[in-house]
């Protein structure tokens, strides 16, 4: 998979809104469901990783 390059505006666990580039993006799709794309981000303030929903048109990357 290609590396992630586009920034996405997400709300961090510390409560602030930031534009971050995800470390990885993948599709979660239950059987018979539409599915959503999830991104793995790192909080710049604490360094902890968290997951957040990304737009459907964002490419899957690692």
PDB file of N, CA and C in Angstrom:
ATOM      1  N   UNK A   1       0.841  -1.191   0.000  1.00  0.00           N
ATOM      2  CA  UNK A   1       0.000   0.000   0.000  1.00  0.00           C
ATOM      3  C   UNK A   1       0.884   1.251   0.000  1.00  0.00           C
ATOM      4  N   UNK A   2       0.452   2.288  -0.678  1.00  0.00           N
ATOM      5  CA  UNK A   2       1.230   3.531  -0.694  1.00  0.00           C
ATOM      6  C   UNK A   2       1.151   4.247   0.653  1.00  0.00           C
ATOM      7  N   UNK A   3       2.123   5.097   0.961  1.00  0.00           N
ATOM      8  CA  UNK A   3       2.073   5.845   2.226  1.00  0.00           C
ATOM      9  C   UNK A   3       0.992   6.926   2.197  1.00  0.00           C
ATOM     10  N   UNK A   4       0.480   7.269   3.365  1.00  0.00           N
ATOM     11  CA  UNK A   4      -0.550   8.305   3.485  1.00  0.00           C
ATOM     12  C   UNK A   4       0.109   9.679   3.387  1.00  0.00           C
ATOM     13  N   UNK A   5      -0.509  10.590   2.617  1.00  0.00           N
ATOM     14  CA  UNK A   5       0.093  11.905   2.433  1.00  0.00           C
ATOM     15  C   UNK A   5      -0.874  13.053   2.724  1.00  0.00           C
ATOM     16  N   UNK A   6      -2.185  12.832   2.584  1.00  0.00           N
ATOM     17  CA  UNK A   6      -3.153  13.915   2.752  1.00  0.00           C
ATOM     18  C   UNK A   6      -3.539  14.075   4.215  1.00  0.00           C
ATOM     19  N   UNK A   7      -3.620  15.328   4.653  1.00  0.00           N
ATOM     20  CA  UNK A   7      -4.042  15.615   6.025  1.00  0.00           C
ATOM     21  C   UNK A   7      -5.560  15.597   6.124  1.00  0.00           C
ATOM     22  N   UNK A   8      -6.052  15.166   7.286  1.00  0.00           N
ATOM     23  CA  UNK A   8      -7.488  15.105   7.554  1.00  0.00           C
ATOM     24  C   UNK A   8      -7.742  15.855   8.851  1.00  0.00           C
ATOM     25  N   UNK A   9      -8.829  16.628   8.894  1.00  0.00           N
ATOM     26  CA  UNK A   9      -9.181  17.356  10.111  1.00  0.00           C
ATOM     27  C   UNK A   9      -9.929  16.409  11.043  1.00  0.00           C
ATOM     28  N   UNK A  10      -9.343  16.124  12.228  1.00  0.00           N
ATOM     29  CA  UNK A  10      -9.949  15.210  13.199  1.00  0.00           C
ATOM     30  C   UNK A  10      -9.917  15.827  14.588  1.00  0.00           C
ATOM     31  N   UNK A  11     -10.753  15.293  15.465  1.00  0.00           N
ATOM     32  CA  UNK A  11     -10.764  15.722  16.858  1.00  0.00           C
ATOM     33  C   UNK A  11      -9.908  14.738  17.656  1.00  0.00           C
ATOM     34  N   UNK A  12      -8.902  15.238  18.350  1.00  0.00           N
ATOM     35  CA  UNK A  12      -7.997  14.386  19.111  1.00  0.00           C
ATOM     36  C   UNK A  12      -8.620  14.003  20.450  1.00  0.00           C
ATOM     37  N   UNK A  13      -8.104  12.953  21.105  1.00  0.00           N
ATOM     38  CA  UNK A  13      -8.632  12.553  22.410  1.00  0.00           C
ATOM     39  C   UNK A  13      -8.484  13.637  23.476  1.00  0.00           C
ATOM     40  N   UNK A  14      -7.525  14.534  23.311  1.00  0.00           N
ATOM     41  CA  UNK A  14      -7.345  15.615  24.286  1.00  0.00           C
ATOM     42  C   UNK A  14      -8.375  16.734  24.084  1.00  0.00           C
ATOM     43  N   UNK A  15      -9.214  16.623  23.024  1.00  0.00           N
ATOM     44  CA  UNK A  15     -10.312  17.560  22.823  1.00  0.00           C
ATOM     45  C   UNK A  15     -10.053  18.655  21.810  1.00  0.00           C
ATOM     46  N   UNK A  16      -8.867  18.732  21.248  1.00  0.00           N
ATOM     47  CA  UNK A  16      -8.572  19.768  20.262  1.00  0.00           C
ATOM     48  C   UNK A  16      -8.819  19.235  18.854  1.00  0.00           C
ATOM     49  N   UNK A  17      -9.056  20.150  17.922  1.00  0.00           N
ATOM     50  CA  UNK A  17      -9.239  19.760  16.528  1.00  0.00           C
ATOM     51  C   UNK A  17      -7.949  20.074  15.781  1.00  0.00           C
ATOM     52  N   UNK A  18      -7.438  19.077  15.031  1.00  0.00           N
ATOM     53  CA  UNK A  18      -6.166  19.267  14.344  1.00  0.00           C
ATOM     54  C   UNK A  18      -6.209  18.623  12.966  1.00  0.00           C
ATOM     55  N   UNK A  19      -5.366  19.108  12.072  1.00  0.00           N
ATOM     56  CA  UNK A  19      -5.197  18.503  10.753  1.00  0.00           C
ATOM     57  C   UNK A  19      -4.005  17.563  10.839  1.00  0.00           C
ATOM     58  N   UNK A  20      -4.260  16.267  10.753  1.00  0.00           N
ATOM     59  CA  UNK A  20      -3.205  15.266  10.896  1.00  0.00           C
ATOM     60  C   UNK A  20      -3.195  14.329   9.700  1.00  0.00           C
ATOM     61  N   UNK A  21      -2.009  13.782   9.404  1.00  0.00           N
ATOM     62  CA  UNK A  21      -1.875  12.768   8.360  1.00  0.00           C
ATOM     63  C   UNK A  21      -1.953  11.412   9.057  1.00  0.00           C
ATOM     64  N   UNK A  22      -2.857  10.523   8.636  1.00  0.00           N
ATOM     65  CA  UNK A  22      -2.964   9.220   9.300  1.00  0.00           C
ATOM     66  C   UNK A  22      -1.757   8.332   9.034  1.00  0.00           C
ATOM     67  N   UNK A  23      -1.472   7.434   9.974  1.00  0.00           N
ATOM     68  CA  UNK A  23      -0.399   6.451   9.805  1.00  0.00           C
ATOM     69  C   UNK A  23      -0.870   5.321   8.906  1.00  0.00           C
ATOM     70  N   UNK A  24      -2.184   4.990   9.006  1.00  0.00           N
ATOM     71  CA  UNK A  24      -2.758   3.901   8.221  1.00  0.00           C
ATOM     72  C   UNK A  24      -4.253   4.164   8.062  1.00  0.00           C
ATOM     73  N   UNK A  25      -4.810   3.764   6.918  1.00  0.00           N
ATOM     74  CA  UNK A  25      -6.250   3.883   6.660  1.00  0.00           C
ATOM     75  C   UNK A  25      -6.727   2.542   6.123  1.00  0.00           C
ATOM     76  N   UNK A  26      -7.833   2.033   6.680  1.00  0.00           N
ATOM     77  CA  UNK A  26      -8.402   0.778   6.232  1.00  0.00           C
ATOM     78  C   UNK A  26      -9.922   0.854   6.257  1.00  0.00           C
ATOM     79  N   UNK A  27     -10.548  -0.131   5.607  1.00  0.00           N
ATOM     80  CA  UNK A  27     -12.009  -0.178   5.479  1.00  0.00           C
ATOM     81  C   UNK A  27     -12.574  -1.153   6.499  1.00  0.00           C
ATOM     82  N   UNK A  28     -13.599  -0.726   7.238  1.00  0.00           N
ATOM     83  CA  UNK A  28     -14.355  -1.609   8.121  1.00  0.00           C
ATOM     84  C   UNK A  28     -15.712  -1.801   7.473  1.00  0.00           C
ATOM     85  N   UNK A  29     -16.019  -3.041   7.114  1.00  0.00           N
ATOM     86  CA  UNK A  29     -17.270  -3.291   6.414  1.00  0.00           C
ATOM     87  C   UNK A  29     -17.913  -4.566   6.956  1.00  0.00           C
ATOM     88  N   UNK A  30     -18.960  -4.405   7.761  1.00  0.00           N
ATOM     89  CA  UNK A  30     -19.664  -5.601   8.237  1.00  0.00           C
ATOM     90  C   UNK A  30     -20.406  -6.274   7.091  1.00  0.00           C
ATOM     91  N   UNK A  31     -20.693  -7.537   7.262  1.00  0.00           N
ATOM     92  CA  UNK A  31     -21.373  -8.305   6.224  1.00  0.00           C
ATOM     93  C   UNK A  31     -22.717  -7.657   5.891  1.00  0.00           C
ATOM     94  N   UNK A  32     -22.899  -7.316   4.627  1.00  0.00           N
ATOM     95  CA  UNK A  32     -24.146  -6.717   4.175  1.00  0.00           C
ATOM     96  C   UNK A  32     -24.276  -5.241   4.491  1.00  0.00           C
ATOM     97  N   UNK A  33     -23.244  -4.626   5.071  1.00  0.00           N
ATOM     98  CA  UNK A  33     -23.311  -3.208   5.422  1.00  0.00           C
ATOM     99  C   UNK A  33     -22.566  -2.333   4.439  1.00  0.00           C
ATOM    100  N   UNK A  34     -22.716  -1.030   4.594  1.00  0.00           N
ATOM    101  CA  UNK A  34     -22.081  -0.069   3.695  1.00  0.00           C
ATOM    102  C   UNK A  34     -20.586   0.037   3.977  1.00  0.00           C
ATOM    103  N   UNK A  35     -20.210   0.147   5.240  1.00  0.00           N
ATOM    104  CA  UNK A  35     -18.802   0.244   5.604  1.00  0.00           C
ATOM    105  C   UNK A  35     -18.324   1.667   5.782  1.00  0.00           C
ATOM    106  N   UNK A  36     -17.268   1.847   6.559  1.00  0.00           N
ATOM    107  CA  UNK A  36     -16.653   3.147   6.796  1.00  0.00           C
ATOM    108  C   UNK A  36     -15.141   2.990   6.743  1.00  0.00           C
ATOM    109  N   UNK A  37     -14.464   4.091   6.474  1.00  0.00           N
ATOM    110  CA  UNK A  37     -12.993   4.088   6.479  1.00  0.00           C
ATOM    111  C   UNK A  37     -12.514   4.639   7.809  1.00  0.00           C
ATOM    112  N   UNK A  38     -11.539   3.952   8.399  1.00  0.00           N
ATOM    113  CA  UNK A  38     -10.978   4.306   9.696  1.00  0.00           C
ATOM    114  C   UNK A  38      -9.501   4.630   9.511  1.00  0.00           C
ATOM    115  N   UNK A  39      -9.040   5.669  10.191  1.00  0.00           N
ATOM    116  CA  UNK A  39      -7.631   6.048  10.134  1.00  0.00           C
ATOM    117  C   UNK A  39      -6.986   5.950  11.502  1.00  0.00           C
ATOM    118  N   UNK A  40      -5.705   5.589  11.515  1.00  0.00           N
ATOM    119  CA  UNK A  40      -4.924   5.536  12.747  1.00  0.00           C
ATOM    120  C   UNK A  40      -4.080   6.805  12.811  1.00  0.00           C
ATOM    121  N   UNK A  41      -4.277   7.599  13.863  1.00  0.00           N
ATOM    122  CA  UNK A  41      -3.595   8.880  14.019  1.00  0.00           C
ATOM    123  C   UNK A  41      -2.786   8.881  15.308  1.00  0.00           C
ATOM    124  N   UNK A  42      -1.820   9.796  15.403  1.00  0.00           N
ATOM    125  CA  UNK A  42      -1.053   9.983  16.631  1.00  0.00           C
ATOM    126  C   UNK A  42      -1.298  11.400  17.137  1.00  0.00           C
ATOM    127  N   UNK A  43      -1.727  11.491  18.409  1.00  0.00           N
ATOM    128  CA  UNK A  43      -2.004  12.788  19.040  1.00  0.00           C
ATOM    129  C   UNK A  43      -0.686  13.538  19.226  1.00  0.00           C
ATOM    130  N   UNK A  44      -0.543  14.741  18.641  1.00  0.00           N
ATOM    131  CA  UNK A  44       0.726  15.478  18.770  1.00  0.00           C
ATOM    132  C   UNK A  44       1.007  15.928  20.198  1.00  0.00           C
ATOM    133  N   UNK A  45      -0.025  16.131  21.012  1.00  0.00           N
ATOM    134  CA  UNK A  45       0.177  16.616  22.382  1.00  0.00           C
ATOM    135  C   UNK A  45       0.658  15.504  23.314  1.00  0.00           C
ATOM    136  N   UNK A  46       0.049  14.307  23.213  1.00  0.00           N
ATOM    137  CA  UNK A  46       0.367  13.231  24.156  1.00  0.00           C
ATOM    138  C   UNK A  46       1.206  12.125  23.542  1.00  0.00           C
ATOM    139  N   UNK A  47       1.199  12.002  22.219  1.00  0.00           N
ATOM    140  CA  UNK A  47       1.943  10.937  21.562  1.00  0.00           C
ATOM    141  C   UNK A  47       1.171   9.630  21.489  1.00  0.00           C
ATOM    142  N   UNK A  48      -0.045   9.586  22.051  1.00  0.00           N
ATOM    143  CA  UNK A  48      -0.846   8.364  22.027  1.00  0.00           C
ATOM    144  C   UNK A  48      -1.533   8.218  20.674  1.00  0.00           C
ATOM    145  N   UNK A  49      -1.727   6.964  20.271  1.00  0.00           N
ATOM    146  CA  UNK A  49      -2.418   6.671  19.020  1.00  0.00           C
ATOM    147  C   UNK A  49      -3.913   6.577  19.266  1.00  0.00           C
ATOM    148  N   UNK A  50      -4.708   6.987  18.259  1.00  0.00           N
ATOM    149  CA  UNK A  50      -6.156   6.872  18.330  1.00  0.00           C
ATOM    150  C   UNK A  50      -6.707   6.652  16.932  1.00  0.00           C
ATOM    151  N   UNK A  51      -7.937   6.132  16.867  1.00  0.00           N
ATOM    152  CA  UNK A  51      -8.596   5.891  15.587  1.00  0.00           C
ATOM    153  C   UNK A  51      -9.714   6.899  15.399  1.00  0.00           C
ATOM    154  N   UNK A  52      -9.940   7.283  14.158  1.00  0.00           N
ATOM    155  CA  UNK A  52     -11.021   8.206  13.828  1.00  0.00           C
ATOM    156  C   UNK A  52     -11.512   7.900  12.422  1.00  0.00           C
ATOM    157  N   UNK A  53     -12.756   8.258  12.166  1.00  0.00           N
ATOM    158  CA  UNK A  53     -13.356   8.059  10.845  1.00  0.00           C
ATOM    159  C   UNK A  53     -12.767   9.064   9.866  1.00  0.00           C
ATOM    160  N   UNK A  54     -12.476   8.613   8.652  1.00  0.00           N
ATOM    161  CA  UNK A  54     -11.971   9.493   7.595  1.00  0.00           C
ATOM    162  C   UNK A  54     -12.997   9.519   6.460  1.00  0.00           C
ATOM    163  N   UNK A  55     -12.935  10.516   5.565  1.00  0.00           N
ATOM    164  CA  UNK A  55     -13.898  10.581   4.457  1.00  0.00           C
ATOM    165  C   UNK A  55     -13.846   9.329   3.573  1.00  0.00           C
ATOM    166  N   UNK A  56     -14.973   8.988   2.985  1.00  0.00           N
ATOM    167  CA  UNK A  56     -15.087   7.776   2.163  1.00  0.00           C
ATOM    168  C   UNK A  56     -14.195   7.825   0.922  1.00  0.00           C
ATOM    169  N   UNK A  57     -13.867   9.031   0.424  1.00  0.00           N
ATOM    170  CA  UNK A  57     -13.051   9.126  -0.779  1.00  0.00           C
ATOM    171  C   UNK A  57     -11.545   9.115  -0.478  1.00  0.00           C
ATOM    172  N   UNK A  58     -11.162   9.000   0.787  1.00  0.00           N
ATOM    173  CA  UNK A  58      -9.742   8.942   1.155  1.00  0.00           C
ATOM    174  C   UNK A  58      -9.185   7.572   0.743  1.00  0.00           C
ATOM    175  N   UNK A  59      -8.005   7.518   0.088  1.00  0.00           N
ATOM    176  CA  UNK A  59      -7.468   6.230  -0.361  1.00  0.00           C
ATOM    177  C   UNK A  59      -6.940   5.389   0.812  1.00  0.00           C
ATOM    178  N   UNK A  60      -7.034   4.068   0.678  1.00  0.00           N
ATOM    179  CA  UNK A  60      -6.468   3.185   1.698  1.00  0.00           C
ATOM    180  C   UNK A  60      -4.963   3.241   1.579  1.00  0.00           C
ATOM    181  N   UNK A  61      -4.280   3.357   2.713  1.00  0.00           N
ATOM    182  CA  UNK A  61      -2.825   3.488   2.692  1.00  0.00           C
ATOM    183  C   UNK A  61      -2.241   2.962   3.999  1.00  0.00           C
ATOM    184  N   UNK A  62      -0.909   2.861   4.017  1.00  0.00           N
ATOM    185  CA  UNK A  62      -0.228   2.366   5.216  1.00  0.00           C
ATOM    186  C   UNK A  62       1.044   3.140   5.458  1.00  0.00           C
TER     187      UNK A  62
END
